[in-house]
Amino acid sequence: MKKLRTKKELRKIMAKKDKKWIQKAIKRPGAFTAKAKKRNMSSAKFAAKVSANPEKYDKTTVRQANLAKTLRKISKKRKKK
C-alpha cells in the first residue's frame, strides 16, 4: 500500500528535484524587453499595458507579460528576506 503524502511533503520533494524551475520558463531571454524598448517603454510599463489590453497583443506577448510580472514579484519577495 502506498503512503499518502501531505502537500507540504510534496512541495519539499519537488523543490529538491528541480531548484531551477523558473529558468525553464524563460524560452527567449530579452525578447520581451526588446519589444518594450521598441515602443520606448520600460518592461514593467509594457507588461502593464499588455495586461490591460490582452486582446490587442498576440498570445506569446501576453504570456511574456505575465512572466515578467511574476519574476518581478519573486524578486521583490527575495529582497524583503
C-alpha atoms as a PDB file:
ATOM      1  CA  MET A   1       0.000   0.000   0.000  1.00  0.00           C
ATOM      2  CA  LYS A   2       1.313   3.426  -0.971  1.00  0.00           C
ATOM      3  CA  LYS A   3       1.755   6.062   1.692  1.00  0.00           C
ATOM      4  CA  LEU A   4      -0.242   9.269   1.124  1.00  0.00           C
ATOM      5  CA  ARG A   5       1.771  12.459   1.425  1.00  0.00           C
ATOM      6  CA  THR A   6       0.782  15.908   2.557  1.00  0.00           C
ATOM      7  CA  LYS A   7       1.069  18.950   0.302  1.00  0.00           C
ATOM      8  CA  LYS A   8       3.966  20.194   2.390  1.00  0.00           C
ATOM      9  CA  GLU A   9       5.898  16.960   1.880  1.00  0.00           C
ATOM     10  CA  LEU A  10       5.222  17.044  -1.856  1.00  0.00           C
ATOM     11  CA  ARG A  11       6.488  20.629  -2.110  1.00  0.00           C
ATOM     12  CA  LYS A  12       9.731  19.651  -0.371  1.00  0.00           C
ATOM     13  CA  ILE A  13      10.212  16.738  -2.744  1.00  0.00           C
ATOM     14  CA  MET A  14       9.546  18.907  -5.792  1.00  0.00           C
ATOM     15  CA  ALA A  15      11.898  21.613  -4.512  1.00  0.00           C
ATOM     16  CA  LYS A  16      14.695  19.072  -4.165  1.00  0.00           C
ATOM     17  CA  LYS A  17      14.103  17.676  -7.642  1.00  0.00           C
ATOM     18  CA  ASP A  18      14.277  20.925  -9.561  1.00  0.00           C
ATOM     19  CA  LYS A  19      15.586  24.048  -7.867  1.00  0.00           C
ATOM     20  CA  LYS A  20      15.954  25.973 -11.133  1.00  0.00           C
ATOM     21  CA  TRP A  21      12.423  25.511 -12.440  1.00  0.00           C
ATOM     22  CA  ILE A  22      11.891  29.179 -13.307  1.00  0.00           C
ATOM     23  CA  GLN A  23      14.823  29.193 -15.759  1.00  0.00           C
ATOM     24  CA  LYS A  24      12.914  26.671 -17.887  1.00  0.00           C
ATOM     25  CA  ALA A  25      10.027  29.127 -18.183  1.00  0.00           C
ATOM     26  CA  ILE A  26      12.229  31.659 -19.965  1.00  0.00           C
ATOM     27  CA  LYS A  27      12.436  30.480 -23.569  1.00  0.00           C
ATOM     28  CA  ARG A  28      13.713  33.667 -25.243  1.00  0.00           C
ATOM     29  CA  PRO A  29      15.719  35.807 -22.805  1.00  0.00           C
ATOM     30  CA  GLY A  30      15.472  39.504 -23.595  1.00  0.00           C
ATOM     31  CA  ALA A  31      12.666  39.192 -26.161  1.00  0.00           C
ATOM     32  CA  PHE A  32      10.033  40.944 -24.049  1.00  0.00           C
ATOM     33  CA  THR A  33      12.436  43.718 -23.057  1.00  0.00           C
ATOM     34  CA  ALA A  34      13.283  44.227 -26.736  1.00  0.00           C
ATOM     35  CA  LYS A  35       9.574  44.585 -27.561  1.00  0.00           C
ATOM     36  CA  ALA A  36       9.233  47.156 -24.778  1.00  0.00           C
ATOM     37  CA  LYS A  37      12.295  49.117 -25.916  1.00  0.00           C
ATOM     38  CA  LYS A  38      10.919  49.220 -29.484  1.00  0.00           C
ATOM     39  CA  ARG A  39       7.917  51.068 -28.074  1.00  0.00           C
ATOM     40  CA  ASN A  40      10.133  53.312 -25.903  1.00  0.00           C
ATOM     41  CA  MET A  41       8.755  51.828 -22.669  1.00  0.00           C
ATOM     42  CA  SER A  42      10.169  50.003 -19.695  1.00  0.00           C
ATOM     43  CA  SER A  43       9.359  46.323 -19.475  1.00  0.00           C
ATOM     44  CA  ALA A  44       7.197  46.995 -16.388  1.00  0.00           C
ATOM     45  CA  LYS A  45       5.087  49.621 -18.162  1.00  0.00           C
ATOM     46  CA  PHE A  46       4.773  47.460 -21.261  1.00  0.00           C
ATOM     47  CA  ALA A  47       3.713  44.464 -19.143  1.00  0.00           C
ATOM     48  CA  ALA A  48       1.024  46.605 -17.513  1.00  0.00           C
ATOM     49  CA  LYS A  49      -0.189  47.822 -20.906  1.00  0.00           C
ATOM     50  CA  VAL A  50      -0.318  44.292 -22.327  1.00  0.00           C
ATOM     51  CA  SER A  51      -2.180  43.013 -19.256  1.00  0.00           C
ATOM     52  CA  ALA A  52      -4.716  45.818 -19.540  1.00  0.00           C
ATOM     53  CA  ASN A  53      -5.426  45.052 -23.230  1.00  0.00           C
ATOM     54  CA  PRO A  54      -4.530  41.395 -23.913  1.00  0.00           C
ATOM     55  CA  GLU A  55      -6.780  41.207 -26.985  1.00  0.00           C
ATOM     56  CA  LYS A  56      -4.537  43.720 -28.808  1.00  0.00           C
ATOM     57  CA  TYR A  57      -1.426  41.516 -28.495  1.00  0.00           C
ATOM     58  CA  ASP A  58      -0.534  38.004 -29.573  1.00  0.00           C
ATOM     59  CA  LYS A  59      -0.629  35.100 -27.153  1.00  0.00           C
ATOM     60  CA  THR A  60       3.164  34.969 -26.794  1.00  0.00           C
ATOM     61  CA  THR A  61       3.414  38.621 -25.771  1.00  0.00           C
ATOM     62  CA  VAL A  62       0.631  38.210 -23.206  1.00  0.00           C
ATOM     63  CA  ARG A  63       2.415  35.220 -21.699  1.00  0.00           C
ATOM     64  CA  GLN A  64       5.709  37.115 -21.635  1.00  0.00           C
ATOM     65  CA  ALA A  65       3.996  39.994 -19.827  1.00  0.00           C
ATOM     66  CA  ASN A  66       2.586  37.602 -17.224  1.00  0.00           C
ATOM     67  CA  LEU A  67       6.005  36.041 -16.737  1.00  0.00           C
ATOM     68  CA  ALA A  68       7.622  39.478 -16.378  1.00  0.00           C
ATOM     69  CA  LYS A  69       5.133  40.374 -13.639  1.00  0.00           C
ATOM     70  CA  THR A  70       5.741  37.044 -11.886  1.00  0.00           C
ATOM     71  CA  LEU A  71       9.509  37.465 -11.968  1.00  0.00           C
ATOM     72  CA  ARG A  72       9.182  40.975 -10.570  1.00  0.00           C
ATOM     73  CA  LYS A  73       7.069  39.653  -7.682  1.00  0.00           C
ATOM     74  CA  ILE A  74       9.600  36.915  -6.938  1.00  0.00           C
ATOM     75  CA  SER A  75      12.398  39.479  -6.966  1.00  0.00           C
ATOM     76  CA  LYS A  76      10.543  41.743  -4.527  1.00  0.00           C
ATOM     77  CA  LYS A  77       9.882  38.838  -2.157  1.00  0.00           C
ATOM     78  CA  ARG A  78      13.547  37.851  -2.170  1.00  0.00           C
ATOM     79  CA  LYS A  79      14.649  41.409  -1.406  1.00  0.00           C
ATOM     80  CA  LYS A  80      12.357  41.529   1.641  1.00  0.00           C
ATOM     81  CA  LYS A  81      14.060  38.488   3.179  1.00  0.00           C
END
